[in-house]
Structures are given as C-alpha cells and as structure tokens.
C-alpha atoms as a PDB file:
ATOM      1  CA  PRO A   1      94.283 105.762  94.981  1.00  0.00           C
ATOM      2  CA  GLY A   2      94.045 109.106  96.505  1.00  0.00           C
ATOM      3  CA  PHE A   3      97.372 109.033  98.171  1.00  0.00           C
ATOM      4  CA  ALA A   4     100.154 111.268  97.301  1.00  0.00           C
ATOM      5  CA  ALA A   5     103.930 110.919  98.247  1.00  0.00           C
ATOM      6  CA  THR A   6     104.990 113.820 100.631  1.00  0.00           C
ATOM      7  CA  SER A   7     108.393 112.572 101.897  1.00  0.00           C
ATOM      8  CA  ILE A   8     110.965 109.619 101.648  1.00  0.00           C
ATOM      9  CA  ALA A   9     113.651 108.285 104.058  1.00  0.00           C
ATOM     10  CA  ARG A  10     116.391 105.874 103.380  1.00  0.00           C
ATOM     11  CA  LEU A  11     116.534 102.833 105.636  1.00  0.00           C
ATOM     12  CA  PRO A  12     120.158 101.457 106.502  1.00  0.00           C
ATOM     13  CA  SER A  13     119.481  98.614 104.171  1.00  0.00           C
ATOM     14  CA  GLY A  14     119.176 101.009 101.361  1.00  0.00           C
ATOM     15  CA  ASP A  15     115.419 100.390 101.257  1.00  0.00           C
ATOM     16  CA  VAL A  16     113.220 103.683 101.216  1.00  0.00           C
ATOM     17  CA  LEU A  17     110.145 104.401 103.236  1.00  0.00           C
ATOM     18  CA  VAL A  18     107.763 106.493 101.461  1.00  0.00           C
ATOM     19  CA  LEU A  19     105.310 108.785 103.275  1.00  0.00           C
ATOM     20  CA  GLU A  20     101.928 109.204 101.394  1.00  0.00           C
ATOM     21  CA  ARG A  21      98.921 111.188 102.538  1.00  0.00           C
ATOM     22  CA  LYS A  22      95.224 111.650 101.605  1.00  0.00           C
ATOM     23  CA  PHE A  23      93.948 114.921 102.912  1.00  0.00           C
ATOM     24  CA  THR A  24      90.670 116.411 101.791  1.00  0.00           C
ATOM     25  CA  LEU A  25      87.829 118.181 103.710  1.00  0.00           C
ATOM     26  CA  PHE A  26      86.224 114.838 104.518  1.00  0.00           C
ATOM     27  CA  GLU A  27      89.057 112.333 104.773  1.00  0.00           C
ATOM     28  CA  ARG A  28      92.549 112.310 106.387  1.00  0.00           C
ATOM     29  CA  ALA A  29      94.989 109.394 106.242  1.00  0.00           C
ATOM     30  CA  ALA A  30      98.672 108.703 105.955  1.00  0.00           C
ATOM     31  CA  ARG A  31     100.567 105.454 104.997  1.00  0.00           C
ATOM     32  CA  VAL A  32     103.988 104.320 105.062  1.00  0.00           C
ATOM     33  CA  VAL A  33     105.192 102.171 102.045  1.00  0.00           C
ATOM     34  CA  ARG A  34     108.642 100.407 101.873  1.00  0.00           C
ATOM     35  CA  VAL A  35     110.386 100.185  98.526  1.00  0.00           C
ATOM     36  CA  ARG A  36     113.087  97.703  98.136  1.00  0.00           C
ATOM     37  CA  ALA A  37     116.475  99.178  97.135  1.00  0.00           C
ATOM     38  CA  ASP A  38     116.864  96.378  94.342  1.00  0.00           C
ATOM     39  CA  THR A  39     113.677  97.706  92.550  1.00  0.00           C
ATOM     40  CA  LEU A  40     114.882 101.470  92.536  1.00  0.00           C
ATOM     41  CA  LEU A  41     116.198 101.300  88.908  1.00  0.00           C
ATOM     42  CA  PRO A  42     116.040 104.189  86.227  1.00  0.00           C
ATOM     43  CA  GLY A  43     112.969 104.403  84.215  1.00  0.00           C
ATOM     44  CA  THR A  44     110.985 101.643  86.057  1.00  0.00           C
ATOM     45  CA  ARG A  45     107.796 102.079  88.062  1.00  0.00           C
ATOM     46  CA  VAL A  46     108.214 100.722  91.712  1.00  0.00           C
ATOM     47  CA  VAL A  47     105.631  99.215  93.716  1.00  0.00           C
ATOM     48  CA  GLY A  48     106.172  99.086  97.589  1.00  0.00           C
ATOM     49  CA  GLU A  49     104.983  97.138 100.467  1.00  0.00           C
ATOM     50  CA  GLU A  50     102.320  98.965 102.790  1.00  0.00           C
ATOM     51  CA  LEU A  51     103.715  99.058 106.182  1.00  0.00           C
ATOM     52  CA  ALA A  52     101.133 101.244 108.110  1.00  0.00           C
ATOM     53  CA  VAL A  53      98.020 103.047 107.465  1.00  0.00           C
ATOM     54  CA  ILE A  54      96.932 105.752 109.945  1.00  0.00           C
ATOM     55  CA  ALA A  55      93.342 106.867 109.692  1.00  0.00           C
ATOM     56  CA  SER A  56      90.394 107.532 111.773  1.00  0.00           C
ATOM     57  CA  PRO A  57      89.812 106.696 114.532  1.00  0.00           C
ATOM     58  CA  LEU A  58      93.687 107.104 115.060  1.00  0.00           C
ATOM     59  CA  THR A  59      95.382 110.272 115.449  1.00  0.00           C
ATOM     60  CA  VAL A  60      95.863 111.599 111.897  1.00  0.00           C
ATOM     61  CA  ASP A  61      96.456 114.897 110.119  1.00  0.00           C
ATOM     62  CA  ASN A  62      98.287 116.546 107.219  1.00  0.00           C
ATOM     63  CA  PHE A  63     101.559 114.546 107.626  1.00  0.00           C
ATOM     64  CA  GLU A  64     104.447 115.941 105.470  1.00  0.00           C
ATOM     65  CA  GLY A  65     107.553 114.619 106.664  1.00  0.00           C
ATOM     66  CA  ILE A  66     109.341 111.199 107.536  1.00  0.00           C
ATOM     67  CA  ALA A  67     112.733 110.384 109.154  1.00  0.00           C
ATOM     68  CA  VAL A  68     114.375 107.142 110.411  1.00  0.00           C
ATOM     69  CA  LEU A  69     116.812 106.687 113.209  1.00  0.00           C
ATOM     70  CA  PRO A  70     118.680 103.167 113.466  1.00  0.00           C
ATOM     71  CA  GLU A  71     118.795 101.710 116.791  1.00  0.00           C
ATOM     72  CA  ALA A  72     121.620  99.616 118.271  1.00  0.00           C
ATOM     73  CA  ASP A  73     119.505  96.403 118.374  1.00  0.00           C
ATOM     74  CA  GLY A  74     118.922  96.715 114.519  1.00  0.00           C
ATOM     75  CA  ALA A  75     115.338  98.217 114.786  1.00  0.00           C
ATOM     76  CA  THR A  76     114.695 101.370 113.396  1.00  0.00           C
ATOM     77  CA  ARG A  77     112.689 104.324 114.755  1.00  0.00           C
ATOM     78  CA  ILE A  78     110.223 105.988 112.079  1.00  0.00           C
ATOM     79  CA  TYR A  79     109.216 109.662 112.727  1.00  0.00           C
ATOM     80  CA  LEU A  80     106.259 111.193 110.872  1.00  0.00           C
ATOM     81  CA  VAL A  81     105.622 114.969 111.326  1.00  0.00           C
ATOM     82  CA  SER A  82     102.700 117.206 110.410  1.00  0.00           C
ATOM     83  CA  ASP A  83     102.337 120.879 111.011  1.00  0.00           C
ATOM     84  CA  ASN A  84      99.342 123.161 111.402  1.00  0.00           C
ATOM     85  CA  ASN A  85     100.064 125.451 108.491  1.00  0.00           C
ATOM     86  CA  PHE A  86      98.905 128.307 110.793  1.00  0.00           C
ATOM     87  CA  SER A  87      95.389 126.863 110.545  1.00  0.00           C
ATOM     88  CA  VAL A  88      93.084 126.120 113.359  1.00  0.00           C
ATOM     89  CA  LEU A  89      91.803 123.172 111.516  1.00  0.00           C
ATOM     90  CA  GLU A  90      95.159 121.362 111.538  1.00  0.00           C
ATOM     91  CA  ARG A  91      97.592 120.221 114.113  1.00  0.00           C
ATOM     92  CA  THR A  92     101.314 119.812 114.532  1.00  0.00           C
ATOM     93  CA  LEU A  93     102.117 116.186 115.413  1.00  0.00           C
ATOM     94  CA  LEU A  94     105.034 113.939 115.848  1.00  0.00           C
ATOM     95  CA  LEU A  95     104.385 110.158 115.774  1.00  0.00           C
ATOM     96  CA  ILE A  96     107.092 107.763 116.556  1.00  0.00           C
ATOM     97  CA  PHE A  97     106.955 103.969 115.602  1.00  0.00           C
ATOM     98  CA  ARG A  98     109.505 101.199 115.792  1.00  0.00           C
ATOM     99  CA  LEU A  99     110.219  98.970 112.894  1.00  0.00           C
ATOM    100  CA  ALA A 100     111.458  95.775 114.075  1.00  0.00           C
ATOM    101  CA  SER A 101     114.559  94.333 112.176  1.00  0.00           C
END
C-alpha cells in the first residue's frame, strides 16, 4: 500500500526487478521487488518477492530508475537512480547494490 511502480529491469534469468516508490511530503521510501519470469503471463496479476526496502534513516529520495548489470561470478549489480527535478527539496542519487546469485 502506498507504493507505485516506477521502473523495471530484466535479470539474466528472465525474472524482473520492479522499483517502487512512496513519495509524499511526510514519507519517502523505495523498494525493490523480484517477479519470477514464470508468473509473467498475459492477464494475470503478479505478486513479487520483496528484496529490499529503503526508508529513513537510510538515504532515500524520489527513486525513478533501476538498471542491472550481470557480473562475471553470477551476481548482479543493481543500480537505483533519483533526480532532483530541479528542486531544492530533492537530490540526485545513484545507489548501487549487489544481488548474490
């Protein structure tokens, strides 16, 4: 509740990561959800597995993009990006995580 999808990225396995955000005057949070490829069927409602929640006191802002980069050892780097929208109330951030295989 309160989260809205903002971006998706496909993992090498075919699964997808969904970046969701909650951004109000009083609350900022983001989460990354993994949706299994075998559940991505036309006309179905999918439910993913929550991998991460980024909320206060962690560094959080208006995250809008997600990208992935496979690593040689089978792990995956996950990039989350926000932009300041030319506002003094927001920041441009790039967070990088590693998802073990």
